[in-house]
């Protein structure tokens, strides 16, 4: 998931470059519709953010479910140190 998020952040990390290539210089101002180009850049940013948010929320939901299960198991076997270690690892992920 971390690698996927890193790839999805590319557009955010390169925003200055994206803006420089999206907004035309004075010599190209008549050839490119800057308003439309900016709208497209904005939409691609919003799509990337929405997609990233969905993935993050899904990861949180799945990990929270695992934490809940591990807590229930931990209540049954309080002396199991491996289980406690796994529980803490999953809690850290959340």
Protein backbone atom coordinates (compact mmCIF):
# COMPACT_ATOMS: atom_id res chain seq x y z
CA UNK A 1 0.00 0.00 0.00
CA UNK A 2 2.83 2.40 0.78
CA UNK A 3 4.28 1.94 -2.70
CA UNK A 4 0.87 2.49 -4.28
CA UNK A 5 0.39 5.69 -2.28
CA UNK A 6 3.85 6.89 -3.26
CA UNK A 7 3.02 6.43 -6.93
CA UNK A 8 -0.33 8.16 -6.48
CA UNK A 9 1.39 11.18 -4.93
CA UNK A 10 3.47 11.81 -8.03
CA UNK A 11 1.16 14.52 -9.34
CA UNK A 12 1.23 16.30 -5.96
CA UNK A 13 5.00 16.04 -5.72
CA UNK A 14 5.40 17.50 -9.19
CA UNK A 15 2.79 20.26 -8.86
CA UNK A 16 5.21 23.08 -9.71
CA UNK A 17 6.26 21.26 -12.86
CA UNK A 18 2.63 20.52 -13.72
CA UNK A 19 1.69 24.17 -13.29
CA UNK A 20 4.62 25.35 -15.38
CA UNK A 21 3.67 23.02 -18.21
CA UNK A 22 -0.06 23.72 -17.90
CA UNK A 23 -0.07 27.52 -17.87
CA UNK A 24 1.14 28.83 -21.22
CA UNK A 25 3.82 31.45 -21.59
CA UNK A 26 2.98 34.70 -23.35
CA UNK A 27 4.09 33.31 -26.72
CA UNK A 28 1.67 30.35 -26.45
CA UNK A 29 -1.19 32.17 -24.72
CA UNK A 30 -3.31 32.34 -27.88
CA UNK A 31 -2.75 28.70 -28.84
CA UNK A 32 -3.80 27.06 -25.57
CA UNK A 33 -6.97 27.50 -23.54
CA UNK A 34 -5.38 28.09 -20.14
CA UNK A 35 -8.71 27.95 -18.33
CA UNK A 36 -9.57 24.54 -19.74
CA UNK A 37 -6.05 23.26 -19.15
CA UNK A 38 -6.18 24.39 -15.52
CA UNK A 39 -9.58 22.75 -15.08
CA UNK A 40 -8.14 19.49 -16.40
CA UNK A 41 -5.17 19.74 -14.02
CA UNK A 42 -7.54 20.47 -11.14
CA UNK A 43 -9.71 17.49 -12.06
CA UNK A 44 -6.71 15.17 -12.24
CA UNK A 45 -5.60 16.40 -8.80
CA UNK A 46 -9.06 15.83 -7.37
CA UNK A 47 -9.27 12.36 -8.93
CA UNK A 48 -5.88 11.46 -7.45
CA UNK A 49 -6.91 12.74 -4.01
CA UNK A 50 -10.23 10.90 -4.11
CA UNK A 51 -8.58 7.67 -5.16
CA UNK A 52 -5.89 7.99 -2.49
CA UNK A 53 -8.48 8.77 0.19
CA UNK A 54 -10.52 5.70 -0.79
CA UNK A 55 -7.45 3.45 -0.56
CA UNK A 56 -6.41 4.89 2.80
CA UNK A 57 -9.90 4.48 4.27
CA UNK A 58 -10.09 0.93 2.96
CA UNK A 59 -6.74 0.11 4.55
CA UNK A 60 -7.84 1.62 7.86
CA UNK A 61 -11.08 -0.38 7.80
CA UNK A 62 -9.30 -3.65 7.06
CA UNK A 63 -6.60 -3.10 9.67
CA UNK A 64 -9.19 -2.03 12.25
CA UNK A 65 -11.04 -5.28 11.62
CA UNK A 66 -7.83 -7.24 12.20
CA UNK A 67 -7.20 -5.26 15.42
CA UNK A 68 -10.70 -6.06 16.65
CA UNK A 69 -10.19 -9.77 15.98
CA UNK A 70 -6.79 -9.76 17.68
CA UNK A 71 -8.24 -7.96 20.72
CA UNK A 72 -10.91 -10.63 21.03
CA UNK A 73 -8.27 -13.35 20.78
CA UNK A 74 -6.10 -11.51 23.30
CA UNK A 75 -8.93 -11.48 25.84
CA UNK A 76 -9.09 -15.28 25.57
CA UNK A 77 -5.32 -15.83 25.74
CA UNK A 78 -3.81 -13.03 27.81
CA UNK A 79 -0.49 -14.84 28.27
CA UNK A 80 0.22 -15.14 24.52
CA UNK A 81 3.09 -12.70 23.91
CA UNK A 82 3.19 -13.37 20.15
CA UNK A 83 -0.46 -12.39 19.94
CA UNK A 84 0.20 -9.21 21.92
CA UNK A 85 3.09 -8.36 19.60
CA UNK A 86 0.89 -8.88 16.52
CA UNK A 87 -1.88 -6.77 18.08
CA UNK A 88 0.49 -3.89 18.75
CA UNK A 89 1.91 -4.13 15.24
CA UNK A 90 -1.57 -3.86 13.72
CA UNK A 91 -2.50 -1.01 16.07
CA UNK A 92 0.59 0.85 14.90
CA UNK A 93 -0.53 0.43 11.28
CA UNK A 94 -3.86 2.07 12.05
